[in-house]
PDB file of N, CA and C in Angstrom:
ATOM      1  N   MET A   1       0.882  -1.198  -0.001  1.00  0.00           N
ATOM      2  CA  MET A   1       0.017   0.050   0.003  1.00  0.00           C
ATOM      3  C   MET A   1       0.973   1.236  -0.020  1.00  0.00           C
ATOM      4  N   PRO A   2       0.678   2.188  -0.895  1.00  0.00           N
ATOM      5  CA  PRO A   2       1.352   3.490  -0.923  1.00  0.00           C
ATOM      6  C   PRO A   2       1.202   4.184   0.486  1.00  0.00           C
ATOM      7  N   LYS A   3       2.165   5.019   0.690  1.00  0.00           N
ATOM      8  CA  LYS A   3       2.089   5.881   1.980  1.00  0.00           C
ATOM      9  C   LYS A   3       0.919   6.830   1.818  1.00  0.00           C
ATOM     10  N   ARG A   4       0.100   6.839   2.961  1.00  0.00           N
ATOM     11  CA  ARG A   4      -1.045   7.664   3.073  1.00  0.00           C
ATOM     12  C   ARG A   4      -0.903   8.643   4.246  1.00  0.00           C
ATOM     13  N   ARG A   5      -1.373   9.911   4.085  1.00  0.00           N
ATOM     14  CA  ARG A   5      -1.255  10.801   5.035  1.00  0.00           C
ATOM     15  C   ARG A   5      -2.390  10.646   6.113  1.00  0.00           C
ATOM     16  N   VAL A   6      -2.150  10.325   7.311  1.00  0.00           N
ATOM     17  CA  VAL A   6      -3.110  10.122   8.333  1.00  0.00           C
ATOM     18  C   VAL A   6      -2.908  11.318   9.395  1.00  0.00           C
ATOM     19  N   ILE A   7      -3.977  12.022   9.605  1.00  0.00           N
ATOM     20  CA  ILE A   7      -3.970  13.169  10.535  1.00  0.00           C
ATOM     21  C   ILE A   7      -5.032  12.849  11.652  1.00  0.00           C
ATOM     22  N   VAL A   8      -4.608  13.051  12.961  1.00  0.00           N
ATOM     23  CA  VAL A   8      -5.474  12.899  14.051  1.00  0.00           C
ATOM     24  C   VAL A   8      -5.443  14.302  14.678  1.00  0.00           C
ATOM     25  N   CYS A   9      -6.563  14.902  14.510  1.00  0.00           N
ATOM     26  CA  CYS A   9      -6.776  16.375  14.933  1.00  0.00           C
ATOM     27  C   CYS A   9      -6.794  16.490  16.517  1.00  0.00           C
ATOM     28  N   PRO A  10      -6.536  17.615  16.957  1.00  0.00           N
ATOM     29  CA  PRO A  10      -6.706  17.858  18.449  1.00  0.00           C
ATOM     30  C   PRO A  10      -8.050  17.428  18.943  1.00  0.00           C
ATOM     31  N   PRO A  11      -7.996  17.041  20.240  1.00  0.00           N
ATOM     32  CA  PRO A  11      -9.274  16.651  21.014  1.00  0.00           C
ATOM     33  C   PRO A  11     -10.236  17.800  20.868  1.00  0.00           C
ATOM     34  N   SER A  12     -11.521  17.399  20.719  1.00  0.00           N
ATOM     35  CA  SER A  12     -12.499  18.452  20.651  1.00  0.00           C
ATOM     36  C   SER A  12     -13.036  18.762  22.060  1.00  0.00           C
ATOM     37  N   GLY A  13     -13.820  19.764  22.203  1.00  0.00           N
ATOM     38  CA  GLY A  13     -14.306  20.225  23.515  1.00  0.00           C
ATOM     39  C   GLY A  13     -15.197  19.160  24.168  1.00  0.00           C
ATOM     40  N   THR A  14     -15.790  18.253  23.266  1.00  0.00           N
ATOM     41  CA  THR A  14     -16.687  17.245  23.859  1.00  0.00           C
ATOM     42  C   THR A  14     -16.081  15.954  23.966  1.00  0.00           C
ATOM     43  N   GLY A  15     -14.746  15.863  23.639  1.00  0.00           N
ATOM     44  CA  GLY A  15     -14.035  14.692  23.562  1.00  0.00           C
ATOM     45  C   GLY A  15     -13.948  13.978  22.222  1.00  0.00           C
ATOM     46  N   GLY A  16     -12.990  13.238  21.944  1.00  0.00           N
ATOM     47  CA  GLY A  16     -12.792  12.574  20.662  1.00  0.00           C
ATOM     48  C   GLY A  16     -11.907  13.506  19.700  1.00  0.00           C
ATOM     49  N   ARG A  17     -11.418  12.778  18.623  1.00  0.00           N
ATOM     50  CA  ARG A  17     -10.507  13.449  17.735  1.00  0.00           C
ATOM     51  C   ARG A  17     -10.964  13.086  16.332  1.00  0.00           C
ATOM     52  N   ARG A  18     -11.062  14.121  15.417  1.00  0.00           N
ATOM     53  CA  ARG A  18     -11.449  13.843  14.056  1.00  0.00           C
ATOM     54  C   ARG A  18     -10.219  13.165  13.445  1.00  0.00           C
ATOM     55  N   VAL A  19     -10.409  12.116  12.505  1.00  0.00           N
ATOM     56  CA  VAL A  19      -9.492  11.433  11.836  1.00  0.00           C
ATOM     57  C   VAL A  19      -9.562  11.619  10.416  1.00  0.00           C
ATOM     58  N   CYS A  20      -8.508  11.935   9.710  1.00  0.00           N
ATOM     59  CA  CYS A  20      -8.555  12.171   8.195  1.00  0.00           C
ATOM     60  C   CYS A  20      -7.390  11.272   7.674  1.00  0.00           C
ATOM     61  N   VAL A  21      -7.717  10.571   6.488  1.00  0.00           N
ATOM     62  CA  VAL A  21      -6.781   9.903   5.687  1.00  0.00           C
ATOM     63  C   VAL A  21      -6.710  10.590   4.392  1.00  0.00           C
ATOM     64  N   ASP A  22      -5.607  11.140   3.942  1.00  0.00           N
ATOM     65  CA  ASP A  22      -5.469  11.914   2.786  1.00  0.00           C
ATOM     66  C   ASP A  22      -6.447  13.170   2.970  1.00  0.00           C
ATOM     67  N   ASP A  23      -7.344  13.341   2.061  1.00  0.00           N
ATOM     68  CA  ASP A  23      -8.439  14.360   2.183  1.00  0.00           C
ATOM     69  C   ASP A  23      -9.750  13.950   2.604  1.00  0.00           C
ATOM     70  N   GLN A  24      -9.758  12.659   3.088  1.00  0.00           N
ATOM     71  CA  GLN A  24     -11.068  12.096   3.542  1.00  0.00           C
ATOM     72  C   GLN A  24     -11.181  12.028   5.035  1.00  0.00           C
ATOM     73  N   VAL A  25     -12.307  12.623   5.556  1.00  0.00           N
ATOM     74  CA  VAL A  25     -12.672  12.545   6.983  1.00  0.00           C
ATOM     75  C   VAL A  25     -13.225  11.118   7.253  1.00  0.00           C
ATOM     76  N   LEU A  26     -12.517  10.386   8.160  1.00  0.00           N
ATOM     77  CA  LEU A  26     -13.134   9.061   8.463  1.00  0.00           C
ATOM     78  C   LEU A  26     -14.155   9.103   9.583  1.00  0.00           C
ATOM     79  N   GLY A  27     -14.090  10.196  10.518  1.00  0.00           N
ATOM     80  CA  GLY A  27     -15.010  10.187  11.608  1.00  0.00           C
ATOM     81  C   GLY A  27     -14.242  10.703  12.781  1.00  0.00           C
ATOM     82  N   THR A  28     -14.954  10.602  13.981  1.00  0.00           N
ATOM     83  CA  THR A  28     -14.397  10.995  15.223  1.00  0.00           C
ATOM     84  C   THR A  28     -13.970   9.827  16.060  1.00  0.00           C
ATOM     85  N   ALA A  29     -12.758   9.679  16.475  1.00  0.00           N
ATOM     86  CA  ALA A  29     -12.360   8.526  17.223  1.00  0.00           C
ATOM     87  C   ALA A  29     -12.347   8.977  18.715  1.00  0.00           C
ATOM     88  N   TYR A  30     -12.892   8.163  19.644  1.00  0.00           N
ATOM     89  CA  TYR A  30     -12.855   8.499  21.039  1.00  0.00           C
ATOM     90  C   TYR A  30     -11.819   7.620  21.858  1.00  0.00           C
ATOM     91  N   SER A  31     -11.140   6.784  21.121  1.00  0.00           N
ATOM     92  CA  SER A  31      -9.989   5.991  21.736  1.00  0.00           C
ATOM     93  C   SER A  31      -9.181   5.413  20.702  1.00  0.00           C
ATOM     94  N   LEU A  32      -7.977   4.847  21.195  1.00  0.00           N
ATOM     95  CA  LEU A  32      -7.179   4.256  20.275  1.00  0.00           C
ATOM     96  C   LEU A  32      -7.596   3.114  19.500  1.00  0.00           C
ATOM     97  N   HIS A  33      -8.530   2.492  20.189  1.00  0.00           N
ATOM     98  CA  HIS A  33      -9.265   1.312  19.474  1.00  0.00           C
ATOM     99  C   HIS A  33     -10.100   1.839  18.324  1.00  0.00           C
ATOM    100  N   ASP A  34     -10.835   2.987  18.557  1.00  0.00           N
ATOM    101  CA  ASP A  34     -11.627   3.572  17.467  1.00  0.00           C
ATOM    102  C   ASP A  34     -10.787   3.945  16.295  1.00  0.00           C
ATOM    103  N   LEU A  35      -9.700   4.567  16.577  1.00  0.00           N
ATOM    104  CA  LEU A  35      -8.785   5.013  15.606  1.00  0.00           C
ATOM    105  C   LEU A  35      -8.257   3.682  14.700  1.00  0.00           C
ATOM    106  N   THR A  36      -7.912   2.719  15.474  1.00  0.00           N
ATOM    107  CA  THR A  36      -7.346   1.501  14.858  1.00  0.00           C
ATOM    108  C   THR A  36      -8.418   0.872  13.928  1.00  0.00           C
ATOM    109  N   VAL A  37      -9.613   0.859  14.388  1.00  0.00           N
ATOM    110  CA  VAL A  37     -10.699   0.350  13.448  1.00  0.00           C
ATOM    111  C   VAL A  37     -10.887   1.198  12.288  1.00  0.00           C
ATOM    112  N   PHE A  38     -10.920   2.548  12.466  1.00  0.00           N
ATOM    113  CA  PHE A  38     -11.056   3.494  11.278  1.00  0.00           C
ATOM    114  C   PHE A  38     -10.034   3.178  10.252  1.00  0.00           C
ATOM    115  N   LEU A  39      -8.713   2.985  10.735  1.00  0.00           N
ATOM    116  CA  LEU A  39      -7.611   2.719   9.874  1.00  0.00           C
ATOM    117  C   LEU A  39      -7.666   1.429   9.119  1.00  0.00           C
ATOM    118  N   GLN A  40      -8.184   0.499   9.836  1.00  0.00           N
ATOM    119  CA  GLN A  40      -8.324  -0.902   9.275  1.00  0.00           C
ATOM    120  C   GLN A  40      -9.434  -0.824   8.161  1.00  0.00           C
ATOM    121  N   ASN A  41     -10.479  -0.159   8.356  1.00  0.00           N
ATOM    122  CA  ASN A  41     -11.444  -0.059   7.364  1.00  0.00           C
ATOM    123  C   ASN A  41     -11.060   0.777   6.155  1.00  0.00           C
ATOM    124  N   ALA A  42     -10.052   1.712   6.477  1.00  0.00           N
ATOM    125  CA  ALA A  42      -9.515   2.489   5.309  1.00  0.00           C
ATOM    126  C   ALA A  42      -8.351   1.723   4.516  1.00  0.00           C
ATOM    127  N   GLY A  43      -8.223   0.426   4.837  1.00  0.00           N
ATOM    128  CA  GLY A  43      -7.265  -0.347   4.130  1.00  0.00           C
ATOM    129  C   GLY A  43      -5.977  -0.833   4.768  1.00  0.00           C
ATOM    130  N   LEU A  44      -5.810  -0.333   5.984  1.00  0.00           N
ATOM    131  CA  LEU A  44      -4.603  -0.805   6.775  1.00  0.00           C
ATOM    132  C   LEU A  44      -4.926  -2.050   7.522  1.00  0.00           C
ATOM    133  N   THR A  45      -5.328  -3.075   6.828  1.00  0.00           N
ATOM    134  CA  THR A  45      -5.729  -4.395   7.363  1.00  0.00           C
ATOM    135  C   THR A  45      -4.612  -4.949   8.161  1.00  0.00           C
ATOM    136  N   GLY A  46      -4.874  -5.549   9.269  1.00  0.00           N
ATOM    137  CA  GLY A  46      -3.836  -6.290  10.075  1.00  0.00           C
ATOM    138  C   GLY A  46      -3.185  -5.390  11.011  1.00  0.00           C
ATOM    139  N   TRP A  47      -3.509  -4.091  10.964  1.00  0.00           N
ATOM    140  CA  TRP A  47      -2.909  -3.203  12.004  1.00  0.00           C
ATOM    141  C   TRP A  47      -3.606  -3.380  13.409  1.00  0.00           C
ATOM    142  N   ASP A  48      -2.797  -3.276  14.412  1.00  0.00           N
ATOM    143  CA  ASP A  48      -3.268  -3.311  15.802  1.00  0.00           C
ATOM    144  C   ASP A  48      -2.971  -2.047  16.486  1.00  0.00           C
ATOM    145  N   GLN A  49      -3.300  -1.831  17.639  1.00  0.00           N
ATOM    146  CA  GLN A  49      -3.041  -0.556  18.401  1.00  0.00           C
ATOM    147  C   GLN A  49      -1.653  -0.163  18.499  1.00  0.00           C
ATOM    148  N   LEU A  50      -0.766  -1.217  18.628  1.00  0.00           N
ATOM    149  CA  LEU A  50       0.588  -0.996  18.708  1.00  0.00           C
ATOM    150  C   LEU A  50       1.233  -0.342  17.384  1.00  0.00           C
ATOM    151  N   ASP A  51       0.701  -0.942  16.256  1.00  0.00           N
ATOM    152  CA  ASP A  51       1.087  -0.484  15.015  1.00  0.00           C
ATOM    153  C   ASP A  51       0.757   1.010  14.800  1.00  0.00           C
ATOM    154  N   VAL A  52      -0.480   1.410  15.340  1.00  0.00           N
ATOM    155  CA  VAL A  52      -0.905   2.698  15.266  1.00  0.00           C
ATOM    156  C   VAL A  52       0.012   3.604  16.083  1.00  0.00           C
ATOM    157  N   ILE A  53       0.223   3.263  17.365  1.00  0.00           N
ATOM    158  CA  ILE A  53       1.113   4.025  18.212  1.00  0.00           C
ATOM    159  C   ILE A  53       2.444   4.346  17.515  1.00  0.00           C
ATOM    160  N   GLU A  54       3.093   3.265  16.910  1.00  0.00           N
ATOM    161  CA  GLU A  54       4.439   3.322  16.505  1.00  0.00           C
ATOM    162  C   GLU A  54       4.554   3.862  14.989  1.00  0.00           C
ATOM    163  N   SER A  55       3.472   4.125  14.247  1.00  0.00           N
ATOM    164  CA  SER A  55       3.501   4.514  12.880  1.00  0.00           C
ATOM    165  C   SER A  55       4.027   5.947  12.690  1.00  0.00           C
ATOM    166  N   GLU A  56       4.878   6.039  11.714  1.00  0.00           N
ATOM    167  CA  GLU A  56       5.337   7.367  11.369  1.00  0.00           C
ATOM    168  C   GLU A  56       4.500   8.020  10.331  1.00  0.00           C
ATOM    169  N   TRP A  57       3.444   7.395   9.967  1.00  0.00           N
ATOM    170  CA  TRP A  57       2.567   7.911   8.937  1.00  0.00           C
ATOM    171  C   TRP A  57       1.399   8.764   9.596  1.00  0.00           C
ATOM    172  N   ILE A  58       1.336   8.711  10.815  1.00  0.00           N
ATOM    173  CA  ILE A  58       0.237   9.324  11.593  1.00  0.00           C
ATOM    174  C   ILE A  58       0.792  10.691  12.157  1.00  0.00           C
ATOM    175  N   GLU A  59       0.149  11.782  11.873  1.00  0.00           N
ATOM    176  CA  GLU A  59       0.402  13.109  12.437  1.00  0.00           C
ATOM    177  C   GLU A  59      -0.616  13.353  13.562  1.00  0.00           C
ATOM    178  N   TRP A  60      -0.043  13.335  14.798  1.00  0.00           N
ATOM    179  CA  TRP A  60      -0.812  13.598  15.992  1.00  0.00           C
ATOM    180  C   TRP A  60      -0.776  15.071  16.234  1.00  0.00           C
ATOM    181  N   HIS A  61      -1.866  15.759  16.286  1.00  0.00           N
ATOM    182  CA  HIS A  61      -1.976  17.162  16.624  1.00  0.00           C
ATOM    183  C   HIS A  61      -2.343  17.448  17.993  1.00  0.00           C
ATOM    184  N   GLU A  62      -1.627  18.154  18.755  1.00  0.00           N
ATOM    185  CA  GLU A  62      -1.900  18.492  20.104  1.00  0.00           C
ATOM    186  C   GLU A  62      -2.160  17.297  21.018  1.00  0.00           C
ATOM    187  N   GLY A  63      -1.118  16.476  21.072  1.00  0.00           N
ATOM    188  CA  GLY A  63      -1.239  15.230  21.932  1.00  0.00           C
ATOM    189  C   GLY A  63      -1.139  14.010  21.106  1.00  0.00           C
ATOM    190  N   GLY A  64      -0.489  13.043  21.738  1.00  0.00           N
ATOM    191  CA  GLY A  64      -0.301  11.696  20.997  1.00  0.00           C
ATOM    192  C   GLY A  64      -1.433  10.764  21.343  1.00  0.00           C
ATOM    193  N   PRO A  65      -1.127   9.548  21.129  1.00  0.00           N
ATOM    194  CA  PRO A  65      -2.140   8.445  21.252  1.00  0.00           C
ATOM    195  C   PRO A  65      -2.780   8.257  22.558  1.00  0.00           C
ATOM    196  N   GLU A  66      -2.260   8.923  23.574  1.00  0.00           N
ATOM    197  CA  GLU A  66      -2.893   8.819  24.909  1.00  0.00           C
ATOM    198  C   GLU A  66      -3.776   9.798  25.312  1.00  0.00           C
ATOM    199  N   LYS A  67      -3.973  10.906  24.382  1.00  0.00           N
ATOM    200  CA  LYS A  67      -4.864  12.092  24.722  1.00  0.00           C
ATOM    201  C   LYS A  67      -6.017  12.018  23.807  1.00  0.00           C
ATOM    202  N   TRP A  68      -7.241  11.825  24.484  1.00  0.00           N
ATOM    203  CA  TRP A  68      -8.492  11.831  23.816  1.00  0.00           C
ATOM    204  C   TRP A  68      -9.514  12.864  24.233  1.00  0.00           C
ATOM    205  N   LYS A  69      -9.175  13.443  25.460  1.00  0.00           N
ATOM    206  CA  LYS A  69     -10.020  14.543  25.906  1.00  0.00           C
ATOM    207  C   LYS A  69      -9.200  15.852  25.973  1.00  0.00           C
ATOM    208  N   PRO A  70      -9.913  17.023  25.881  1.00  0.00           N
ATOM    209  CA  PRO A  70      -9.276  18.249  25.997  1.00  0.00           C
ATOM    210  C   PRO A  70      -8.563  18.516  27.381  1.00  0.00           C
TER     211      PRO A  70
END
C-alpha cells in the first residue's frame, strides 16, 4: 500500500478526535481502539493498536495516542 497521510486532529471540546486519511474525513475517534478500526476500514488491514502508536504515517496534533479529551 502506498504511503497515506493520516491526521489525528486535536481533541474536541466534547472529547474525541477527528481522523482524516489523505483528504477524507473518516470520523471522530474516542479511543485508540476507534482509531485502529477506522484505519483498518481504510485499508490498513492487520494493523493493531501498537502499529498505530508506532506508525510514522500518523500526524498527531496537540497530543499523542494517549490524549482523547481536552
